[in-house]
Amino acid sequence: MAQAILLKDVEGLGDAGAVVDVSAGYLRNYLAPRKLAQAATEASIAAAHRQREQAEKAAHEQEERTQDTAALLSKTVLTISHRAGEDGRLFGSVTAKEISEALRQARGLRIDRRKVRLAEPIREVGTHMVEIEVTDDVTASVKTIVVEEK
């Protein structure tokens, strides 16, 4: 048996960075040519551990930044002025793109318009809660006030 460090996730063996025991032929003929694994030495095992720790640290820092962004968005109140009729209905509508631009101007955050969750565009003057998808599992509500343009 030979020890190998997995460079990529291999189904049935383990995740990237794991040290596994495989037959020498499997390592030499299948894993190594496909760049799925490399032979394990003391130095390569230590390097793999350092790389895994750095990846975990980077993921943790990214999660913290995501939570900070969500908290900042939750505190944000946007005011968007738009032309409206006497009954409070807008001429046109406030779209995800306009909300994204208002967030960029107000907080300096670049939020993709596709991350702004609107069931339908806002067509009335008033206060609306708009969901912003920060990541796949983190969302924030932004209070959006639509006022009549003078």
N, C-alpha and C. Protein backbone atom coordinates (compact mmCIF):
# COMPACT_ATOMS: atom_id res chain seq x y z
N MET A 1 0.83 -1.18 0.00
CA MET A 1 0.00 0.00 0.00
C MET A 1 0.88 1.25 0.00
N ALA A 2 0.41 2.24 -0.73
CA ALA A 2 1.12 3.52 -0.80
C ALA A 2 0.21 4.61 -0.25
N GLN A 3 0.81 5.62 0.31
CA GLN A 3 0.03 6.75 0.79
C GLN A 3 -0.01 7.81 -0.30
N ALA A 4 -1.20 8.44 -0.43
CA ALA A 4 -1.38 9.48 -1.43
C ALA A 4 -2.11 10.65 -0.80
N ILE A 5 -1.81 11.84 -1.29
CA ILE A 5 -2.54 13.04 -0.88
C ILE A 5 -3.48 13.38 -2.03
N LEU A 6 -4.76 13.47 -1.72
CA LEU A 6 -5.74 13.78 -2.75
C LEU A 6 -5.68 15.26 -3.09
N LEU A 7 -5.56 15.57 -4.38
CA LEU A 7 -5.52 16.95 -4.84
C LEU A 7 -6.92 17.47 -5.14
N LYS A 8 -7.84 16.56 -5.43
CA LYS A 8 -9.24 16.89 -5.69
C LYS A 8 -10.10 15.88 -4.94
N ASP A 9 -11.38 16.21 -4.79
CA ASP A 9 -12.30 15.27 -4.18
C ASP A 9 -12.44 14.05 -5.08
N VAL A 10 -12.30 12.85 -4.50
CA VAL A 10 -12.44 11.61 -5.26
C VAL A 10 -13.53 10.80 -4.56
N GLU A 11 -14.57 10.49 -5.30
CA GLU A 11 -15.69 9.75 -4.74
C GLU A 11 -15.22 8.37 -4.28
N GLY A 12 -15.55 8.03 -3.07
CA GLY A 12 -15.18 6.74 -2.52
C GLY A 12 -13.84 6.75 -1.80
N LEU A 13 -13.03 7.80 -2.00
CA LEU A 13 -11.73 7.89 -1.32
C LEU A 13 -11.70 8.98 -0.27
N GLY A 14 -12.09 10.17 -0.65
CA GLY A 14 -12.06 11.26 0.32
C GLY A 14 -12.05 12.62 -0.36
N ASP A 15 -11.90 13.63 0.48
CA ASP A 15 -11.89 15.02 0.01
C ASP A 15 -10.46 15.47 -0.30
N ALA A 16 -10.37 16.58 -1.01
CA ALA A 16 -9.07 17.14 -1.35
C ALA A 16 -8.27 17.43 -0.08
N GLY A 17 -6.99 17.10 -0.10
CA GLY A 17 -6.11 17.33 1.04
C GLY A 17 -6.02 16.15 1.99
N ALA A 18 -6.86 15.16 1.82
CA ALA A 18 -6.83 14.00 2.71
C ALA A 18 -5.69 13.07 2.33
N VAL A 19 -5.10 12.43 3.33
CA VAL A 19 -4.05 11.44 3.10
C VAL A 19 -4.73 10.07 3.18
N VAL A 20 -4.63 9.29 2.10
CA VAL A 20 -5.30 7.99 2.05
C VAL A 20 -4.31 6.90 1.66
N ASP A 21 -4.64 5.67 2.03
CA ASP A 21 -3.85 4.51 1.62
C ASP A 21 -4.49 3.91 0.38
N VAL A 22 -3.71 3.80 -0.69
CA VAL A 22 -4.18 3.19 -1.94
C VAL A 22 -3.08 2.25 -2.43
N SER A 23 -3.44 1.40 -3.36
CA SER A 23 -2.40 0.54 -3.92
C SER A 23 -1.48 1.37 -4.81
N ALA A 24 -0.24 0.93 -4.92
CA ALA A 24 0.75 1.67 -5.70
C ALA A 24 0.34 1.77 -7.16
N GLY A 25 -0.25 0.73 -7.70
CA GLY A 25 -0.68 0.74 -9.10
C GLY A 25 -1.81 1.72 -9.34
N TYR A 26 -2.76 1.79 -8.41
CA TYR A 26 -3.89 2.71 -8.53
C TYR A 26 -3.39 4.15 -8.52
N LEU A 27 -2.43 4.42 -7.65
CA LEU A 27 -1.85 5.76 -7.58
C LEU A 27 -1.09 6.08 -8.86
N ARG A 28 -0.24 5.17 -9.29
CA ARG A 28 0.62 5.39 -10.45
C ARG A 28 -0.16 5.44 -11.76
N ASN A 29 -1.16 4.57 -11.93
CA ASN A 29 -1.83 4.43 -13.21
C ASN A 29 -3.13 5.22 -13.34
N TYR A 30 -3.77 5.56 -12.23
CA TYR A 30 -5.06 6.23 -12.33
C TYR A 30 -5.04 7.63 -11.70
N LEU A 31 -4.69 7.70 -10.41
CA LEU A 31 -4.80 8.96 -9.69
C LEU A 31 -3.79 10.01 -10.15
N ALA A 32 -2.53 9.64 -10.25
CA ALA A 32 -1.48 10.60 -10.61
C ALA A 32 -1.64 11.14 -12.03
N PRO A 33 -1.89 10.30 -13.06
CA PRO A 33 -2.03 10.85 -14.42
C PRO A 33 -3.21 11.82 -14.57
N ARG A 34 -4.25 11.62 -13.78
CA ARG A 34 -5.43 12.48 -13.85
C ARG A 34 -5.33 13.67 -12.89
N LYS A 35 -4.18 13.78 -12.23
CA LYS A 35 -3.91 14.85 -11.27
C LYS A 35 -4.97 14.89 -10.17
N LEU A 36 -5.37 13.72 -9.73
CA LEU A 36 -6.31 13.59 -8.62
C LEU A 36 -5.57 13.42 -7.29
N ALA A 37 -4.33 12.90 -7.37
CA ALA A 37 -3.55 12.67 -6.15
C ALA A 37 -2.07 12.68 -6.49
N GLN A 38 -1.26 12.80 -5.44
CA GLN A 38 0.19 12.71 -5.59
C GLN A 38 0.72 11.84 -4.46
N ALA A 39 1.90 11.29 -4.67
CA ALA A 39 2.50 10.44 -3.65
C ALA A 39 2.75 11.26 -2.39
N ALA A 40 2.51 10.65 -1.23
CA ALA A 40 2.65 11.35 0.04
C ALA A 40 4.06 11.19 0.59
N THR A 41 4.67 12.33 0.87
CA THR A 41 5.93 12.36 1.60
C THR A 41 5.70 13.22 2.84
N GLU A 42 6.64 13.23 3.75
CA GLU A 42 6.46 14.03 4.96
C GLU A 42 6.27 15.51 4.62
N ALA A 43 7.06 16.00 3.67
CA ALA A 43 6.97 17.40 3.28
C ALA A 43 5.63 17.70 2.60
N SER A 44 5.18 16.81 1.71
CA SER A 44 3.92 17.06 1.02
C SER A 44 2.72 16.94 1.97
N ILE A 45 2.81 16.07 2.97
CA ILE A 45 1.74 15.96 3.97
C ILE A 45 1.66 17.25 4.79
N ALA A 46 2.83 17.77 5.20
CA ALA A 46 2.86 19.02 5.95
C ALA A 46 2.31 20.18 5.10
N ALA A 47 2.69 20.21 3.83
CA ALA A 47 2.20 21.26 2.94
C ALA A 47 0.69 21.15 2.76
N ALA A 48 0.18 19.93 2.66
CA ALA A 48 -1.26 19.73 2.51
C ALA A 48 -2.01 20.20 3.75
N HIS A 49 -1.47 19.95 4.92
CA HIS A 49 -2.09 20.40 6.16
C HIS A 49 -2.10 21.93 6.24
N ARG A 50 -0.97 22.54 5.87
CA ARG A 50 -0.92 24.02 5.88
C ARG A 50 -1.93 24.60 4.90
N GLN A 51 -2.02 23.98 3.73
CA GLN A 51 -2.95 24.48 2.71
C GLN A 51 -4.39 24.33 3.18
N ARG A 52 -4.71 23.21 3.83
CA ARG A 52 -6.06 23.00 4.33
C ARG A 52 -6.40 24.02 5.42
N GLU A 53 -5.44 24.30 6.32
CA GLU A 53 -5.66 25.30 7.37
C GLU A 53 -5.88 26.68 6.78
N GLN A 54 -5.10 27.02 5.75
CA GLN A 54 -5.27 28.32 5.10
C GLN A 54 -6.64 28.41 4.43
N ALA A 55 -7.08 27.33 3.80
CA ALA A 55 -8.39 27.33 3.14
C ALA A 55 -9.51 27.48 4.17
N GLU A 56 -9.38 26.81 5.32
CA GLU A 56 -10.39 26.94 6.37
C GLU A 56 -10.41 28.36 6.93
N LYS A 57 -9.23 28.95 7.11
CA LYS A 57 -9.15 30.31 7.62
C LYS A 57 -9.78 31.29 6.63
N ALA A 58 -9.50 31.11 5.33
CA ALA A 58 -10.07 31.97 4.30
C ALA A 58 -11.59 31.83 4.26
N ALA A 59 -12.09 30.61 4.39
CA ALA A 59 -13.54 30.40 4.40
C ALA A 59 -14.18 31.06 5.61
N HIS A 60 -13.51 30.98 6.76
CA HIS A 60 -14.03 31.62 7.97
C HIS A 60 -14.06 33.14 7.81
N GLU A 61 -13.01 33.72 7.25
CA GLU A 61 -12.97 35.16 7.03
C GLU A 61 -14.04 35.59 6.04
N GLN A 62 -14.25 34.79 5.00
CA GLN A 62 -15.30 35.10 4.02
C GLN A 62 -16.67 35.07 4.68
N GLU A 63 -16.90 34.12 5.55
CA GLU A 63 -18.17 34.03 6.28
C GLU A 63 -18.38 35.25 7.16
N GLU A 64 -17.31 35.71 7.83
CA GLU A 64 -17.41 36.91 8.65
C GLU A 64 -17.75 38.13 7.80
N ARG A 65 -17.09 38.27 6.64
CA ARG A 65 -17.39 39.40 5.75
C ARG A 65 -18.83 39.35 5.27
N THR A 66 -19.31 38.14 4.99
CA THR A 66 -20.69 37.98 4.54
C THR A 66 -21.67 38.41 5.63
N GLN A 67 -21.40 38.00 6.87
CA GLN A 67 -22.27 38.39 7.99
C GLN A 67 -22.22 39.91 8.21
N ASP A 68 -21.05 40.52 8.07
CA ASP A 68 -20.93 41.97 8.23
C ASP A 68 -21.72 42.69 7.14
N THR A 69 -21.64 42.21 5.91
CA THR A 69 -22.38 42.81 4.81
C THR A 69 -23.88 42.68 5.04
N ALA A 70 -24.33 41.51 5.50
CA ALA A 70 -25.75 41.30 5.77
C ALA A 70 -26.22 42.23 6.88
N ALA A 71 -25.41 42.42 7.93
CA ALA A 71 -25.77 43.31 9.01
C ALA A 71 -25.86 44.76 8.52
N LEU A 72 -24.92 45.16 7.69
CA LEU A 72 -24.93 46.51 7.13
C LEU A 72 -26.16 46.73 6.26
N LEU A 73 -26.50 45.74 5.45
CA LEU A 73 -27.68 45.86 4.59
C LEU A 73 -28.96 45.93 5.42
N SER A 74 -29.02 45.18 6.52
CA SER A 74 -30.21 45.19 7.36
C SER A 74 -30.44 46.55 8.01
N LYS A 75 -29.38 47.31 8.24
CA LYS A 75 -29.49 48.63 8.84
C LYS A 75 -29.78 49.72 7.80
N THR A 76 -29.69 49.38 6.53
CA THR A 76 -29.80 50.36 5.46
C THR A 76 -31.26 50.71 5.18
N VAL A 77 -31.50 52.00 5.00
CA VAL A 77 -32.81 52.49 4.57
C VAL A 77 -32.58 53.27 3.29
N LEU A 78 -33.16 52.79 2.20
CA LEU A 78 -33.01 53.46 0.90
C LEU A 78 -34.20 54.36 0.65
N THR A 79 -33.95 55.52 0.09
CA THR A 79 -35.02 56.41 -0.34
C THR A 79 -34.86 56.61 -1.83
N ILE A 80 -35.88 56.20 -2.56
CA ILE A 80 -35.84 56.31 -4.02
C ILE A 80 -37.00 57.20 -4.44
N SER A 81 -36.67 58.27 -5.18
CA SER A 81 -37.74 59.15 -5.66
C SER A 81 -38.08 58.77 -7.09
N HIS A 82 -39.37 58.81 -7.37
CA HIS A 82 -39.86 58.38 -8.67
C HIS A 82 -41.09 59.21 -9.00
N ARG A 83 -41.33 59.45 -10.27
CA ARG A 83 -42.53 60.18 -10.67
C ARG A 83 -43.76 59.34 -10.36
N ALA A 84 -44.77 60.00 -9.79
CA ALA A 84 -45.98 59.27 -9.41
C ALA A 84 -47.21 60.13 -9.72
N GLY A 85 -48.32 59.45 -9.83
CA GLY A 85 -49.59 60.14 -10.06
C GLY A 85 -50.20 60.55 -8.73
N GLU A 86 -51.38 61.16 -8.80
CA GLU A 86 -52.06 61.65 -7.60
C GLU A 86 -52.48 60.52 -6.67
N ASP A 87 -52.74 59.35 -7.20
CA ASP A 87 -53.20 58.23 -6.38
C ASP A 87 -52.04 57.44 -5.75
N GLY A 88 -50.80 57.87 -5.97
CA GLY A 88 -49.65 57.20 -5.37
C GLY A 88 -49.07 56.09 -6.24
N ARG A 89 -49.64 55.88 -7.42
CA ARG A 89 -49.08 54.87 -8.32
C ARG A 89 -47.97 55.51 -9.15
N LEU A 90 -46.91 54.76 -9.34
CA LEU A 90 -45.75 55.27 -10.06
C LEU A 90 -45.96 55.24 -11.56
N PHE A 91 -45.34 56.20 -12.23
CA PHE A 91 -45.25 56.15 -13.68
C PHE A 91 -44.03 55.27 -13.96
N GLY A 92 -44.27 54.04 -14.32
CA GLY A 92 -43.18 53.08 -14.44
C GLY A 92 -43.10 52.28 -13.16
N SER A 93 -41.89 51.87 -12.78
CA SER A 93 -41.74 51.09 -11.57
C SER A 93 -40.30 51.16 -11.07
N VAL A 94 -40.11 50.77 -9.81
CA VAL A 94 -38.77 50.67 -9.23
C VAL A 94 -38.33 49.22 -9.41
N THR A 95 -37.24 49.02 -10.12
CA THR A 95 -36.77 47.68 -10.45
C THR A 95 -35.58 47.27 -9.59
N ALA A 96 -35.19 46.04 -9.73
CA ALA A 96 -34.03 45.51 -9.00
C ALA A 96 -32.76 46.28 -9.38
N LYS A 97 -32.67 46.70 -10.61
CA LYS A 97 -31.49 47.46 -11.05
C LYS A 97 -31.40 48.80 -10.33
N GLU A 98 -32.52 49.47 -10.16
CA GLU A 98 -32.52 50.76 -9.46
C GLU A 98 -32.16 50.57 -7.99
N ILE A 99 -32.65 49.50 -7.37
CA ILE A 99 -32.32 49.23 -5.98
C ILE A 99 -30.83 48.92 -5.84
N SER A 100 -30.30 48.16 -6.77
CA SER A 100 -28.88 47.83 -6.77
C SER A 100 -28.03 49.11 -6.89
N GLU A 101 -28.43 50.01 -7.77
CA GLU A 101 -27.70 51.28 -7.94
C GLU A 101 -27.80 52.14 -6.69
N ALA A 102 -28.98 52.17 -6.06
CA ALA A 102 -29.16 52.95 -4.84
C ALA A 102 -28.28 52.40 -3.71
N LEU A 103 -28.14 51.08 -3.62
CA LEU A 103 -27.26 50.48 -2.62
C LEU A 103 -25.80 50.84 -2.87
N ARG A 104 -25.41 50.87 -4.14
CA ARG A 104 -24.04 51.22 -4.48
C ARG A 104 -23.76 52.67 -4.09
N GLN A 105 -24.71 53.56 -4.33
CA GLN A 105 -24.52 54.96 -3.99
C GLN A 105 -24.57 55.19 -2.48
N ALA A 106 -25.48 54.50 -1.78
CA ALA A 106 -25.66 54.72 -0.35
C ALA A 106 -24.55 54.10 0.48
N ARG A 107 -24.18 52.86 0.18
CA ARG A 107 -23.23 52.12 1.02
C ARG A 107 -21.93 51.75 0.33
N GLY A 108 -21.85 51.96 -0.97
CA GLY A 108 -20.64 51.59 -1.69
C GLY A 108 -20.55 50.09 -1.95
N LEU A 109 -21.65 49.38 -1.79
CA LEU A 109 -21.66 47.93 -2.01
C LEU A 109 -22.10 47.63 -3.42
N ARG A 110 -21.37 46.77 -4.07
CA ARG A 110 -21.76 46.35 -5.42
C ARG A 110 -22.58 45.06 -5.29
N ILE A 111 -23.87 45.22 -5.43
CA ILE A 111 -24.80 44.09 -5.35
C ILE A 111 -25.34 43.85 -6.75
N ASP A 112 -25.21 42.64 -7.22
CA ASP A 112 -25.72 42.28 -8.54
C ASP A 112 -27.24 42.39 -8.52
N ARG A 113 -27.82 42.93 -9.57
CA ARG A 113 -29.27 43.12 -9.63
C ARG A 113 -30.02 41.80 -9.52
N ARG A 114 -29.38 40.70 -9.92
CA ARG A 114 -30.04 39.39 -9.83
C ARG A 114 -30.11 38.89 -8.39
N LYS A 115 -29.36 39.52 -7.48
CA LYS A 115 -29.39 39.15 -6.07
C LYS A 115 -30.50 39.89 -5.32
N VAL A 116 -31.13 40.87 -5.96
CA VAL A 116 -32.24 41.61 -5.37
C VAL A 116 -33.50 40.82 -5.66
N ARG A 117 -34.16 40.36 -4.58
CA ARG A 117 -35.34 39.52 -4.75
C ARG A 117 -36.61 40.37 -4.71
N LEU A 118 -37.16 40.60 -5.87
CA LEU A 118 -38.43 41.28 -6.00
C LEU A 118 -39.39 40.34 -6.72
N ALA A 119 -40.53 40.06 -6.10
CA ALA A 119 -41.53 39.21 -6.76
C ALA A 119 -42.00 39.92 -8.03
N GLU A 120 -42.21 41.22 -7.89
CA GLU A 120 -42.53 42.05 -9.04
C GLU A 120 -42.03 43.45 -8.74
N PRO A 121 -41.81 44.27 -9.76
CA PRO A 121 -41.30 45.62 -9.52
C PRO A 121 -42.25 46.42 -8.63
N ILE A 122 -41.69 47.37 -7.89
CA ILE A 122 -42.48 48.21 -6.99
C ILE A 122 -43.19 49.27 -7.83
N ARG A 123 -44.52 49.35 -7.69
CA ARG A 123 -45.30 50.26 -8.51
C ARG A 123 -46.08 51.30 -7.71
N GLU A 124 -45.85 51.34 -6.39
CA GLU A 124 -46.58 52.28 -5.55
C GLU A 124 -45.63 53.02 -4.62
N VAL A 125 -46.01 54.25 -4.29
CA VAL A 125 -45.28 55.04 -3.31
C VAL A 125 -45.50 54.40 -1.95
N GLY A 126 -44.46 54.36 -1.12
CA GLY A 126 -44.60 53.81 0.22
C GLY A 126 -43.34 53.11 0.67
N THR A 127 -43.47 52.37 1.77
CA THR A 127 -42.34 51.65 2.34
C THR A 127 -42.45 50.18 1.97
N HIS A 128 -41.35 49.63 1.48
CA HIS A 128 -41.31 48.23 1.05
C HIS A 128 -40.06 47.57 1.62
N MET A 129 -40.19 46.32 2.05
CA MET A 129 -39.04 45.54 2.49
C MET A 129 -38.56 44.71 1.30
N VAL A 130 -37.29 44.85 0.96
CA VAL A 130 -36.72 44.16 -0.20
C VAL A 130 -35.66 43.18 0.31
N GLU A 131 -35.74 41.93 -0.14
CA GLU A 131 -34.77 40.90 0.24
C GLU A 131 -33.56 40.98 -0.70
N ILE A 132 -32.36 40.96 -0.10
CA ILE A 132 -31.11 40.94 -0.86
C ILE A 132 -30.40 39.65 -0.52
N GLU A 133 -30.04 38.87 -1.54
CA GLU A 133 -29.31 37.62 -1.33
C GLU A 133 -27.82 37.93 -1.31
N VAL A 134 -27.22 37.83 -0.12
CA VAL A 134 -25.78 38.11 0.01
C VAL A 134 -24.99 36.91 -0.50
N THR A 135 -25.32 35.72 0.00
CA THR A 135 -24.79 34.46 -0.53
C THR A 135 -25.97 33.51 -0.64
N ASP A 136 -25.69 32.27 -1.01
CA ASP A 136 -26.77 31.30 -1.19
C ASP A 136 -27.60 31.09 0.06
N ASP A 137 -26.99 31.18 1.24
CA ASP A 137 -27.72 30.89 2.46
C ASP A 137 -27.89 32.10 3.38
N VAL A 138 -27.43 33.28 2.97
CA VAL A 138 -27.55 34.48 3.79
C VAL A 138 -28.31 35.56 3.01
N THR A 139 -29.39 36.04 3.62
CA THR A 139 -30.16 37.12 3.01
C THR A 139 -30.32 38.25 4.02
N ALA A 140 -30.60 39.44 3.51
CA ALA A 140 -30.82 40.60 4.36
C ALA A 140 -32.02 41.38 3.81
N SER A 141 -32.76 42.00 4.71
CA SER A 141 -33.90 42.82 4.31
C SER A 141 -33.50 44.28 4.34
N VAL A 142 -33.78 44.98 3.26
CA VAL A 142 -33.46 46.40 3.15
C VAL A 142 -34.78 47.16 3.09
N LYS A 143 -34.91 48.13 3.97
CA LYS A 143 -36.11 48.97 3.98
C LYS A 143 -35.97 49.97 2.84
N THR A 144 -36.92 49.97 1.93
CA THR A 144 -36.88 50.84 0.77
C THR A 144 -38.10 51.74 0.79
N ILE A 145 -37.85 53.03 0.84
CA ILE A 145 -38.94 54.01 0.86
C ILE A 145 -39.00 54.64 -0.53
N VAL A 146 -40.15 54.51 -1.17
CA VAL A 146 -40.35 55.11 -2.49
C VAL A 146 -41.19 56.35 -2.27
N VAL A 147 -40.63 57.51 -2.68
CA VAL A 147 -41.32 58.78 -2.51
C VAL A 147 -41.61 59.40 -3.87
N GLU A 148 -42.57 60.29 -3.87
CA GLU A 148 -42.94 60.97 -5.10
C GLU A 148 -41.90 62.01 -5.44
N GLU A 149 -41.47 62.01 -6.70
CA GLU A 149 -40.48 62.98 -7.16
C GLU A 149 -41.15 64.32 -7.30
N LYS A 150 -40.51 65.37 -6.82
CA LYS A 150 -41.09 66.72 -6.88
C LYS A 150 -40.75 67.39 -8.18
